[in-house]
Amino acid sequence: MKYKAYKCDHCNRSFGRKWNALRHSKLKHTNLAQISKDNIKIDRFSYKTHNKYYDYQTKFKILGDIETQLETIEPGIYFSDYFSANPVDLKIIKIIDQLIEPIEELEKILGQINERTKAFILLQSLFASLQTNEPVKSLNETVELYRSMKVTKKIVRYMSKLDVESSEEPMLLLKRKIKNSYIFRGHNN
């Protein structure tokens, strides 16, 4: 068994590698725990050169300075008014970052609809996804659903333009054609 020289003074957990102990302090104790090696305290910030997120305080100060200059040109809502480099805000920022792509894709799919309706759909989809265990997956599934609905409506419009001789409505005809297809029979879910 490997000797675990690095110890978290907050929860007494031991580690074989300094980097793992420092990461533990950062993630579990928001960098408040002191790490020691054989009862000698270690600078908890010694991992800075290995972590691109180490200096958020400086980044937030720069952002705040830029937004202060922008405020004189264009008044508005600024990031630095609501966020700081505290652990909770950083976690919120990372979650928002993961949701950017599906939100922008959903916004693109909604296209030219009324801005108020678009805002309602986007926000309801976002808030519903945040209530799940996997919000990114949930939001991606919503995007997939809206994409499918949009394309289905487009296909039905094309079918209507061709005046297909059928007593069925175009949507019902499309559903029947898909149900009778090879791909439908091969689909597992």
N, C-alpha and C. Protein backbone atom coordinates (compact mmCIF):
# COMPACT_ATOMS: atom_id res chain seq x y z
N MET A 1 0.84 -1.17 0.00
CA MET A 1 0.00 0.00 0.00
C MET A 1 0.89 1.25 0.00
N LYS A 2 0.52 2.22 -0.86
CA LYS A 2 1.32 3.42 -1.00
C LYS A 2 1.16 4.32 0.23
N TYR A 3 2.27 4.91 0.64
CA TYR A 3 2.26 5.83 1.77
C TYR A 3 1.56 7.12 1.34
N LYS A 4 0.58 7.55 2.13
CA LYS A 4 -0.18 8.76 1.83
C LYS A 4 0.29 9.89 2.74
N ALA A 5 1.22 10.67 2.21
CA ALA A 5 1.88 11.70 3.01
C ALA A 5 1.07 12.98 3.14
N TYR A 6 0.16 13.25 2.18
CA TYR A 6 -0.57 14.51 2.17
C TYR A 6 -1.92 14.33 2.85
N LYS A 7 -2.20 15.23 3.81
CA LYS A 7 -3.41 15.07 4.62
C LYS A 7 -4.22 16.36 4.61
N CYS A 8 -5.55 16.21 4.47
CA CYS A 8 -6.47 17.34 4.57
C CYS A 8 -6.74 17.57 6.05
N ASP A 9 -6.41 18.76 6.54
CA ASP A 9 -6.60 19.06 7.95
C ASP A 9 -8.07 19.29 8.31
N HIS A 10 -8.91 19.46 7.29
CA HIS A 10 -10.33 19.71 7.53
C HIS A 10 -11.09 18.41 7.80
N CYS A 11 -10.84 17.37 6.99
CA CYS A 11 -11.58 16.12 7.13
C CYS A 11 -10.68 14.91 7.41
N ASN A 12 -9.38 15.15 7.53
CA ASN A 12 -8.38 14.11 7.84
C ASN A 12 -8.21 13.06 6.74
N ARG A 13 -8.68 13.32 5.53
CA ARG A 13 -8.46 12.39 4.43
C ARG A 13 -7.00 12.50 3.98
N SER A 14 -6.41 11.36 3.61
CA SER A 14 -5.00 11.34 3.19
C SER A 14 -4.88 11.04 1.70
N PHE A 15 -3.78 11.55 1.11
CA PHE A 15 -3.55 11.39 -0.32
C PHE A 15 -2.09 11.04 -0.57
N GLY A 16 -1.86 10.30 -1.63
CA GLY A 16 -0.50 9.93 -2.00
C GLY A 16 0.17 11.00 -2.84
N ARG A 17 -0.62 11.84 -3.48
CA ARG A 17 -0.08 12.88 -4.36
C ARG A 17 -0.52 14.26 -3.89
N LYS A 18 0.38 15.19 -3.95
CA LYS A 18 0.10 16.56 -3.54
C LYS A 18 -1.03 17.17 -4.37
N TRP A 19 -0.97 16.93 -5.68
CA TRP A 19 -1.96 17.50 -6.58
C TRP A 19 -3.37 17.03 -6.21
N ASN A 20 -3.52 15.74 -5.89
CA ASN A 20 -4.83 15.21 -5.51
C ASN A 20 -5.34 15.85 -4.22
N ALA A 21 -4.44 16.05 -3.27
CA ALA A 21 -4.83 16.68 -2.00
C ALA A 21 -5.28 18.12 -2.22
N LEU A 22 -4.55 18.87 -3.06
CA LEU A 22 -4.92 20.25 -3.35
C LEU A 22 -6.24 20.33 -4.11
N ARG A 23 -6.43 19.40 -5.04
CA ARG A 23 -7.71 19.35 -5.79
C ARG A 23 -8.85 19.05 -4.83
N HIS A 24 -8.65 18.12 -3.91
CA HIS A 24 -9.66 17.79 -2.90
C HIS A 24 -10.03 19.03 -2.10
N SER A 25 -9.04 19.77 -1.66
CA SER A 25 -9.29 20.99 -0.89
C SER A 25 -10.12 21.98 -1.70
N LYS A 26 -9.79 22.10 -2.96
CA LYS A 26 -10.50 23.04 -3.83
C LYS A 26 -11.94 22.61 -4.07
N LEU A 27 -12.16 21.34 -4.38
CA LEU A 27 -13.49 20.87 -4.75
C LEU A 27 -14.39 20.60 -3.56
N LYS A 28 -13.87 20.01 -2.52
CA LYS A 28 -14.70 19.63 -1.37
C LYS A 28 -14.83 20.72 -0.32
N HIS A 29 -13.79 21.54 -0.19
CA HIS A 29 -13.79 22.53 0.89
C HIS A 29 -13.60 23.94 0.35
N THR A 30 -13.87 24.16 -0.92
CA THR A 30 -13.72 25.46 -1.60
C THR A 30 -12.43 26.16 -1.21
N ASN A 31 -11.36 25.37 -1.21
CA ASN A 31 -10.00 25.86 -0.94
C ASN A 31 -9.80 26.37 0.48
N LEU A 32 -10.70 26.01 1.39
CA LEU A 32 -10.57 26.47 2.76
C LEU A 32 -9.77 25.51 3.63
N ALA A 33 -9.66 24.26 3.20
CA ALA A 33 -8.92 23.27 3.98
C ALA A 33 -7.42 23.46 3.78
N GLN A 34 -6.70 23.23 4.83
CA GLN A 34 -5.23 23.30 4.76
C GLN A 34 -4.70 21.89 4.49
N ILE A 35 -3.73 21.77 3.62
CA ILE A 35 -3.11 20.48 3.31
C ILE A 35 -1.73 20.47 3.97
N SER A 36 -1.41 19.34 4.59
CA SER A 36 -0.08 19.23 5.22
C SER A 36 0.60 17.94 4.76
N LYS A 37 1.92 17.97 4.77
CA LYS A 37 2.72 16.79 4.46
C LYS A 37 3.55 16.50 5.69
N ASP A 38 3.24 15.35 6.28
CA ASP A 38 3.94 14.97 7.51
C ASP A 38 3.93 16.11 8.52
N ASN A 39 2.72 16.69 8.71
CA ASN A 39 2.46 17.77 9.68
C ASN A 39 3.14 19.10 9.34
N ILE A 40 3.57 19.28 8.10
CA ILE A 40 4.12 20.56 7.64
C ILE A 40 3.11 21.15 6.65
N LYS A 41 2.63 22.37 6.93
CA LYS A 41 1.60 23.00 6.09
C LYS A 41 2.15 23.27 4.69
N ILE A 42 1.26 23.09 3.69
CA ILE A 42 1.62 23.32 2.29
C ILE A 42 0.80 24.50 1.79
N ASP A 43 1.43 25.35 0.98
CA ASP A 43 0.72 26.46 0.36
C ASP A 43 -0.40 25.90 -0.50
N ARG A 44 -1.64 26.22 -0.15
CA ARG A 44 -2.77 25.64 -0.86
C ARG A 44 -2.94 26.19 -2.28
N PHE A 45 -2.23 27.24 -2.61
CA PHE A 45 -2.35 27.83 -3.94
C PHE A 45 -1.23 27.41 -4.87
N SER A 46 -0.45 26.43 -4.49
CA SER A 46 0.70 26.05 -5.29
C SER A 46 0.31 25.38 -6.61
N TYR A 47 -0.95 25.06 -6.80
CA TYR A 47 -1.39 24.42 -8.04
C TYR A 47 -1.77 25.43 -9.11
N LYS A 48 -1.65 26.72 -8.82
CA LYS A 48 -2.11 27.75 -9.74
C LYS A 48 -1.57 27.56 -11.16
N THR A 49 -0.34 27.23 -11.30
CA THR A 49 0.23 27.13 -12.64
C THR A 49 -0.35 25.96 -13.42
N HIS A 50 -1.01 25.03 -12.76
CA HIS A 50 -1.59 23.88 -13.43
C HIS A 50 -3.08 24.06 -13.72
N ASN A 51 -3.69 25.13 -13.24
CA ASN A 51 -5.13 25.28 -13.33
C ASN A 51 -5.47 26.59 -14.03
N LYS A 52 -6.15 26.50 -15.18
CA LYS A 52 -6.46 27.71 -15.94
C LYS A 52 -7.51 28.58 -15.25
N TYR A 53 -8.20 28.04 -14.23
CA TYR A 53 -9.24 28.80 -13.54
C TYR A 53 -8.75 29.42 -12.23
N TYR A 54 -7.45 29.41 -11.99
CA TYR A 54 -6.94 29.79 -10.68
C TYR A 54 -7.16 31.26 -10.34
N ASP A 55 -7.22 32.14 -11.31
CA ASP A 55 -7.23 33.57 -10.99
C ASP A 55 -8.52 34.26 -11.43
N TYR A 56 -9.65 33.72 -11.00
CA TYR A 56 -10.92 34.33 -11.36
C TYR A 56 -11.08 35.73 -10.79
N GLN A 57 -10.49 36.01 -9.64
CA GLN A 57 -10.61 37.34 -9.05
C GLN A 57 -10.10 38.40 -10.03
N THR A 58 -8.94 38.15 -10.63
CA THR A 58 -8.38 39.09 -11.60
C THR A 58 -9.26 39.20 -12.83
N LYS A 59 -9.76 38.05 -13.30
CA LYS A 59 -10.63 38.07 -14.48
C LYS A 59 -11.92 38.85 -14.22
N PHE A 60 -12.51 38.68 -13.04
CA PHE A 60 -13.72 39.42 -12.70
C PHE A 60 -13.43 40.92 -12.57
N LYS A 61 -12.25 41.28 -12.05
CA LYS A 61 -11.89 42.69 -11.95
C LYS A 61 -11.76 43.30 -13.34
N ILE A 62 -11.10 42.61 -14.25
CA ILE A 62 -10.96 43.10 -15.62
C ILE A 62 -12.33 43.24 -16.27
N LEU A 63 -13.18 42.22 -16.11
CA LEU A 63 -14.54 42.28 -16.67
C LEU A 63 -15.31 43.46 -16.09
N GLY A 64 -15.21 43.65 -14.78
CA GLY A 64 -15.89 44.78 -14.13
C GLY A 64 -15.41 46.11 -14.66
N ASP A 65 -14.09 46.25 -14.88
CA ASP A 65 -13.53 47.49 -15.42
C ASP A 65 -14.06 47.76 -16.83
N ILE A 66 -14.11 46.71 -17.64
CA ILE A 66 -14.62 46.86 -19.01
C ILE A 66 -16.09 47.26 -18.99
N GLU A 67 -16.87 46.58 -18.14
CA GLU A 67 -18.30 46.88 -18.07
C GLU A 67 -18.56 48.28 -17.52
N THR A 68 -17.70 48.75 -16.62
CA THR A 68 -17.83 50.12 -16.11
C THR A 68 -17.63 51.12 -17.25
N GLN A 69 -16.67 50.86 -18.11
CA GLN A 69 -16.45 51.73 -19.28
C GLN A 69 -17.63 51.64 -20.24
N LEU A 70 -18.19 50.44 -20.42
CA LEU A 70 -19.33 50.28 -21.32
C LEU A 70 -20.57 50.98 -20.79
N GLU A 71 -20.71 51.02 -19.47
CA GLU A 71 -21.88 51.65 -18.85
C GLU A 71 -22.04 53.10 -19.28
N THR A 72 -20.92 53.80 -19.50
CA THR A 72 -20.99 55.19 -19.93
C THR A 72 -21.47 55.30 -21.37
N ILE A 73 -21.24 54.26 -22.16
CA ILE A 73 -21.65 54.25 -23.56
C ILE A 73 -23.07 53.72 -23.72
N GLU A 74 -23.31 52.57 -23.08
CA GLU A 74 -24.59 51.89 -23.25
C GLU A 74 -25.06 51.30 -21.92
N PRO A 75 -25.98 51.97 -21.23
CA PRO A 75 -26.49 51.44 -19.97
C PRO A 75 -27.19 50.09 -20.19
N GLY A 76 -27.08 49.20 -19.23
CA GLY A 76 -27.71 47.89 -19.37
C GLY A 76 -27.43 47.00 -18.18
N ILE A 77 -27.71 45.72 -18.37
CA ILE A 77 -27.46 44.72 -17.33
C ILE A 77 -26.07 44.15 -17.58
N TYR A 78 -25.23 44.20 -16.54
CA TYR A 78 -23.87 43.74 -16.70
C TYR A 78 -23.57 42.56 -15.80
N PHE A 79 -22.78 41.66 -16.32
CA PHE A 79 -22.38 40.42 -15.68
C PHE A 79 -21.81 40.67 -14.29
N SER A 80 -20.91 41.63 -14.20
CA SER A 80 -20.20 41.89 -12.94
C SER A 80 -21.12 42.45 -11.85
N ASP A 81 -22.32 42.89 -12.21
CA ASP A 81 -23.26 43.35 -11.19
C ASP A 81 -23.87 42.19 -10.41
N TYR A 82 -23.84 40.99 -10.99
CA TYR A 82 -24.53 39.85 -10.39
C TYR A 82 -23.63 38.67 -10.04
N PHE A 83 -22.43 38.63 -10.61
CA PHE A 83 -21.53 37.50 -10.38
C PHE A 83 -20.20 37.96 -9.83
N SER A 84 -19.61 37.10 -9.02
CA SER A 84 -18.26 37.35 -8.52
C SER A 84 -17.50 36.04 -8.58
N ALA A 85 -16.29 36.03 -8.07
CA ALA A 85 -15.46 34.83 -8.14
C ALA A 85 -15.68 33.90 -6.96
N ASN A 86 -16.85 33.96 -6.33
CA ASN A 86 -17.09 33.03 -5.23
C ASN A 86 -17.46 31.65 -5.79
N PRO A 87 -17.29 30.60 -5.02
CA PRO A 87 -17.50 29.23 -5.53
C PRO A 87 -18.91 28.97 -6.08
N VAL A 88 -19.93 29.55 -5.46
CA VAL A 88 -21.31 29.34 -5.93
C VAL A 88 -21.50 29.97 -7.31
N ASP A 89 -21.06 31.21 -7.47
CA ASP A 89 -21.19 31.87 -8.77
C ASP A 89 -20.39 31.16 -9.85
N LEU A 90 -19.20 30.67 -9.50
CA LEU A 90 -18.40 29.95 -10.49
C LEU A 90 -19.11 28.68 -10.94
N LYS A 91 -19.77 28.01 -10.02
CA LYS A 91 -20.52 26.80 -10.37
C LYS A 91 -21.70 27.15 -11.28
N ILE A 92 -22.39 28.25 -10.98
CA ILE A 92 -23.51 28.70 -11.82
C ILE A 92 -23.02 29.03 -13.22
N ILE A 93 -21.89 29.71 -13.31
CA ILE A 93 -21.32 30.08 -14.61
C ILE A 93 -20.98 28.82 -15.42
N LYS A 94 -20.42 27.81 -14.77
CA LYS A 94 -20.07 26.57 -15.48
C LYS A 94 -21.32 25.84 -15.96
N ILE A 95 -22.39 25.86 -15.17
CA ILE A 95 -23.65 25.22 -15.59
C ILE A 95 -24.23 25.96 -16.79
N ILE A 96 -24.24 27.28 -16.73
CA ILE A 96 -24.72 28.08 -17.86
C ILE A 96 -23.90 27.78 -19.11
N ASP A 97 -22.59 27.66 -18.94
CA ASP A 97 -21.71 27.35 -20.07
C ASP A 97 -22.09 26.03 -20.74
N GLN A 98 -22.46 25.03 -19.94
CA GLN A 98 -22.87 23.74 -20.51
C GLN A 98 -24.20 23.84 -21.25
N LEU A 99 -25.03 24.82 -20.89
CA LEU A 99 -26.36 24.95 -21.50
C LEU A 99 -26.38 25.89 -22.71
N ILE A 100 -25.28 26.56 -22.98
CA ILE A 100 -25.24 27.53 -24.08
C ILE A 100 -25.64 26.90 -25.41
N GLU A 101 -24.98 25.81 -25.77
CA GLU A 101 -25.21 25.20 -27.09
C GLU A 101 -26.67 24.78 -27.29
N PRO A 102 -27.28 24.02 -26.37
CA PRO A 102 -28.69 23.66 -26.62
C PRO A 102 -29.63 24.86 -26.61
N ILE A 103 -29.37 25.87 -25.78
CA ILE A 103 -30.23 27.05 -25.77
C ILE A 103 -30.14 27.78 -27.10
N GLU A 104 -28.92 27.96 -27.60
CA GLU A 104 -28.76 28.66 -28.88
C GLU A 104 -29.35 27.86 -30.03
N GLU A 105 -29.23 26.53 -29.97
CA GLU A 105 -29.83 25.71 -31.02
C GLU A 105 -31.35 25.80 -30.98
N LEU A 106 -31.93 25.76 -29.79
CA LEU A 106 -33.38 25.89 -29.67
C LEU A 106 -33.84 27.26 -30.16
N GLU A 107 -33.10 28.29 -29.83
CA GLU A 107 -33.41 29.65 -30.29
C GLU A 107 -33.40 29.71 -31.82
N LYS A 108 -32.41 29.05 -32.42
CA LYS A 108 -32.31 29.02 -33.89
C LYS A 108 -33.48 28.25 -34.50
N ILE A 109 -33.85 27.13 -33.90
CA ILE A 109 -34.97 26.32 -34.41
C ILE A 109 -36.27 27.11 -34.35
N LEU A 110 -36.45 27.88 -33.28
CA LEU A 110 -37.69 28.65 -33.13
C LEU A 110 -37.79 29.76 -34.17
N GLY A 111 -36.64 30.16 -34.69
CA GLY A 111 -36.60 31.07 -35.83
C GLY A 111 -37.30 32.39 -35.64
N GLN A 112 -38.17 32.70 -36.57
CA GLN A 112 -38.77 34.03 -36.66
C GLN A 112 -40.09 34.19 -35.91
N ILE A 113 -40.38 33.32 -34.96
CA ILE A 113 -41.64 33.46 -34.23
C ILE A 113 -41.59 34.70 -33.35
N ASN A 114 -42.73 35.12 -32.87
CA ASN A 114 -42.88 36.27 -32.00
C ASN A 114 -41.85 36.19 -30.86
N GLU A 115 -41.16 37.30 -30.58
CA GLU A 115 -40.10 37.32 -29.57
C GLU A 115 -40.61 36.93 -28.18
N ARG A 116 -41.80 37.35 -27.84
CA ARG A 116 -42.38 37.01 -26.53
C ARG A 116 -42.63 35.50 -26.44
N THR A 117 -43.17 34.92 -27.50
CA THR A 117 -43.42 33.47 -27.53
C THR A 117 -42.10 32.72 -27.47
N LYS A 118 -41.11 33.18 -28.22
CA LYS A 118 -39.79 32.55 -28.21
C LYS A 118 -39.19 32.59 -26.81
N ALA A 119 -39.28 33.74 -26.15
CA ALA A 119 -38.76 33.88 -24.80
C ALA A 119 -39.46 32.92 -23.84
N PHE A 120 -40.77 32.81 -23.98
CA PHE A 120 -41.54 31.91 -23.12
C PHE A 120 -41.08 30.45 -23.31
N ILE A 121 -40.97 30.01 -24.57
CA ILE A 121 -40.57 28.63 -24.86
C ILE A 121 -39.15 28.37 -24.35
N LEU A 122 -38.22 29.29 -24.64
CA LEU A 122 -36.83 29.12 -24.21
C LEU A 122 -36.72 29.03 -22.68
N LEU A 123 -37.37 29.95 -21.99
CA LEU A 123 -37.26 29.96 -20.53
C LEU A 123 -37.95 28.76 -19.89
N GLN A 124 -39.13 28.40 -20.39
CA GLN A 124 -39.82 27.23 -19.83
C GLN A 124 -39.00 25.96 -20.05
N SER A 125 -38.39 25.84 -21.23
CA SER A 125 -37.56 24.67 -21.53
C SER A 125 -36.33 24.65 -20.62
N LEU A 126 -35.70 25.80 -20.44
CA LEU A 126 -34.53 25.90 -19.57
C LEU A 126 -34.88 25.55 -18.13
N PHE A 127 -35.92 26.18 -17.60
CA PHE A 127 -36.28 25.97 -16.20
C PHE A 127 -36.73 24.53 -15.95
N ALA A 128 -37.43 23.93 -16.91
CA ALA A 128 -37.84 22.53 -16.76
C ALA A 128 -36.61 21.62 -16.76
N SER A 129 -35.64 21.90 -17.61
CA SER A 129 -34.44 21.06 -17.66
C SER A 129 -33.63 21.18 -16.37
N LEU A 130 -33.63 22.34 -15.74
CA LEU A 130 -32.88 22.54 -14.50
C LEU A 130 -33.48 21.75 -13.33
N GLN A 131 -34.71 21.28 -13.47
CA GLN A 131 -35.34 20.48 -12.43
C GLN A 131 -35.01 19.00 -12.55
N THR A 132 -34.25 18.61 -13.56
CA THR A 132 -33.88 17.21 -13.77
C THR A 132 -32.46 16.96 -13.26
N ASN A 133 -32.10 15.68 -13.17
CA ASN A 133 -30.75 15.32 -12.75
C ASN A 133 -29.71 15.62 -13.81
N GLU A 134 -30.13 15.64 -15.08
CA GLU A 134 -29.23 15.90 -16.20
C GLU A 134 -29.80 17.02 -17.07
N PRO A 135 -29.63 18.27 -16.65
CA PRO A 135 -30.25 19.38 -17.38
C PRO A 135 -29.79 19.53 -18.82
N VAL A 136 -28.52 19.26 -19.10
CA VAL A 136 -28.02 19.40 -20.47
C VAL A 136 -28.69 18.35 -21.36
N LYS A 137 -28.76 17.13 -20.89
CA LYS A 137 -29.42 16.06 -21.65
C LYS A 137 -30.90 16.38 -21.86
N SER A 138 -31.55 16.85 -20.81
CA SER A 138 -32.97 17.20 -20.90
C SER A 138 -33.20 18.31 -21.92
N LEU A 139 -32.37 19.34 -21.88
CA LEU A 139 -32.52 20.45 -22.83
C LEU A 139 -32.22 19.99 -24.25
N ASN A 140 -31.23 19.12 -24.42
CA ASN A 140 -30.95 18.56 -25.75
C ASN A 140 -32.12 17.75 -26.28
N GLU A 141 -32.80 17.01 -25.40
CA GLU A 141 -33.98 16.25 -25.81
C GLU A 141 -35.11 17.19 -26.24
N THR A 142 -35.24 18.32 -25.54
CA THR A 142 -36.24 19.32 -25.92
C THR A 142 -35.92 19.89 -27.30
N VAL A 143 -34.64 20.18 -27.54
CA VAL A 143 -34.21 20.68 -28.84
C VAL A 143 -34.55 19.66 -29.93
N GLU A 144 -34.26 18.39 -29.65
CA GLU A 144 -34.56 17.31 -30.61
C GLU A 144 -36.06 17.25 -30.90
N LEU A 145 -36.88 17.40 -29.88
CA LEU A 145 -38.33 17.37 -30.05
C LEU A 145 -38.80 18.53 -30.93
N TYR A 146 -38.33 19.75 -30.63
CA TYR A 146 -38.73 20.91 -31.43
C TYR A 146 -38.24 20.79 -32.88
N ARG A 147 -37.02 20.26 -33.04
CA ARG A 147 -36.49 20.06 -34.40
C ARG A 147 -37.38 19.09 -35.17
N SER A 148 -37.75 18.00 -34.54
CA SER A 148 -38.62 17.01 -35.18
C SER A 148 -39.99 17.60 -35.52
N MET A 149 -40.53 18.39 -34.59
CA MET A 149 -41.84 19.01 -34.84
C MET A 149 -41.76 19.96 -36.03
N LYS A 150 -40.69 20.74 -36.09
CA LYS A 150 -40.54 21.71 -37.18
C LYS A 150 -40.43 21.01 -38.54
N VAL A 151 -39.62 19.96 -38.60
CA VAL A 151 -39.45 19.23 -39.87
C VAL A 151 -40.74 18.50 -40.24
N THR A 152 -41.44 17.94 -39.26
CA THR A 152 -42.70 17.25 -39.53
C THR A 152 -43.71 18.22 -40.14
N LYS A 153 -43.81 19.41 -39.58
CA LYS A 153 -44.73 20.42 -40.14
C LYS A 153 -44.34 20.79 -41.57
N LYS A 154 -43.02 20.88 -41.81
CA LYS A 154 -42.54 21.22 -43.14
C LYS A 154 -42.92 20.12 -44.14
N ILE A 155 -42.75 18.86 -43.76
CA ILE A 155 -43.10 17.73 -44.64
C ILE A 155 -44.59 17.74 -44.93
N VAL A 156 -45.40 17.98 -43.92
CA VAL A 156 -46.86 18.01 -44.11
C VAL A 156 -47.25 19.15 -45.05
N ARG A 157 -46.58 20.29 -44.94
CA ARG A 157 -46.86 21.40 -45.87
C ARG A 157 -46.52 21.01 -47.30
N TYR A 158 -45.39 20.32 -47.49
CA TYR A 158 -45.02 19.86 -48.83
C TYR A 158 -46.06 18.88 -49.35
N MET A 159 -46.51 17.98 -48.50
CA MET A 159 -47.53 17.00 -48.91
C MET A 159 -48.81 17.71 -49.32
N SER A 160 -49.18 18.75 -48.62
CA SER A 160 -50.40 19.51 -48.93
C SER A 160 -50.29 20.20 -50.28
N LYS A 161 -49.10 20.66 -50.63
CA LYS A 161 -48.88 21.35 -51.90
C LYS A 161 -49.01 20.41 -53.09
N LEU A 162 -48.71 19.14 -52.87
CA LEU A 162 -48.78 18.18 -53.97
C LEU A 162 -50.18 17.65 -54.21
N ASP A 163 -51.11 17.99 -53.35
CA ASP A 163 -52.48 17.50 -53.47
C ASP A 163 -52.51 16.00 -53.70
N VAL A 164 -51.87 15.27 -52.80
CA VAL A 164 -51.84 13.82 -52.88
C VAL A 164 -53.27 13.31 -52.80
N GLU A 165 -53.63 12.45 -53.75
CA GLU A 165 -55.00 11.93 -53.77
C GLU A 165 -55.15 10.89 -52.68
N SER A 166 -55.68 11.35 -51.58
CA SER A 166 -55.90 10.47 -50.44
C SER A 166 -56.99 11.08 -49.59
N SER A 167 -57.76 10.22 -48.99
CA SER A 167 -58.81 10.71 -48.10
C SER A 167 -58.24 11.05 -46.72
N GLU A 168 -57.00 10.65 -46.49
CA GLU A 168 -56.35 10.93 -45.21
C GLU A 168 -55.78 12.35 -45.19
N GLU A 169 -55.76 12.90 -44.01
CA GLU A 169 -55.09 14.18 -43.84
C GLU A 169 -53.59 13.94 -43.98
N PRO A 170 -52.83 14.93 -44.45
CA PRO A 170 -51.39 14.74 -44.66
C PRO A 170 -50.64 14.24 -43.43
N MET A 171 -50.96 14.74 -42.24
CA MET A 171 -50.25 14.31 -41.03
C MET A 171 -50.51 12.82 -40.76
N LEU A 172 -51.75 12.40 -40.89
CA LEU A 172 -52.08 10.99 -40.66
C LEU A 172 -51.43 10.10 -41.71
N LEU A 173 -51.40 10.57 -42.96
CA LEU A 173 -50.74 9.82 -44.03
C LEU A 173 -49.25 9.68 -43.75
N LEU A 174 -48.60 10.77 -43.32
CA LEU A 174 -47.18 10.72 -42.98
C LEU A 174 -46.92 9.72 -41.85
N LYS A 175 -47.73 9.77 -40.80
CA LYS A 175 -47.56 8.84 -39.68
C LYS A 175 -47.72 7.39 -40.15
N ARG A 176 -48.71 7.15 -41.01
CA ARG A 176 -48.94 5.78 -41.50
C ARG A 176 -47.76 5.31 -42.35
N LYS A 177 -47.24 6.19 -43.21
CA LYS A 177 -46.10 5.84 -44.06
C LYS A 177 -44.87 5.49 -43.20
N ILE A 178 -44.65 6.28 -42.16
CA ILE A 178 -43.51 6.02 -41.29
C ILE A 178 -43.70 4.72 -40.51
N LYS A 179 -44.91 4.48 -40.01
CA LYS A 179 -45.18 3.24 -39.26
C LYS A 179 -44.98 2.01 -40.12
N ASN A 180 -45.22 2.13 -41.43
CA ASN A 180 -45.07 0.99 -42.36
C ASN A 180 -43.66 0.87 -42.93
N SER A 181 -42.75 1.74 -42.51
CA SER A 181 -41.40 1.73 -43.07
C SER A 181 -40.51 0.70 -42.39
N TYR A 182 -39.45 0.35 -43.07
CA TYR A 182 -38.48 -0.60 -42.55
C TYR A 182 -37.78 -0.02 -41.30
N ILE A 183 -37.45 1.26 -41.34
CA ILE A 183 -36.73 1.88 -40.22
C ILE A 183 -37.58 1.87 -38.95
N PHE A 184 -38.91 2.03 -39.11
CA PHE A 184 -39.78 2.00 -37.95
C PHE A 184 -39.77 0.62 -37.29
N ARG A 185 -39.84 -0.41 -38.11
CA ARG A 185 -39.83 -1.79 -37.58
C ARG A 185 -38.49 -2.12 -36.91
N GLY A 186 -37.41 -1.50 -37.38
CA GLY A 186 -36.09 -1.78 -36.83
C GLY A 186 -35.74 -0.93 -35.61
N HIS A 187 -36.56 0.10 -35.34
CA HIS A 187 -36.30 0.97 -34.22
C HIS A 187 -36.62 0.27 -32.91
N ASN A 188 -35.75 0.39 -31.92
CA ASN A 188 -35.93 -0.31 -30.65
C ASN A 188 -36.84 0.42 -29.67
N ASN A 189 -36.95 1.74 -29.80
CA ASN A 189 -37.78 2.46 -28.81
C ASN A 189 -38.90 3.23 -29.44
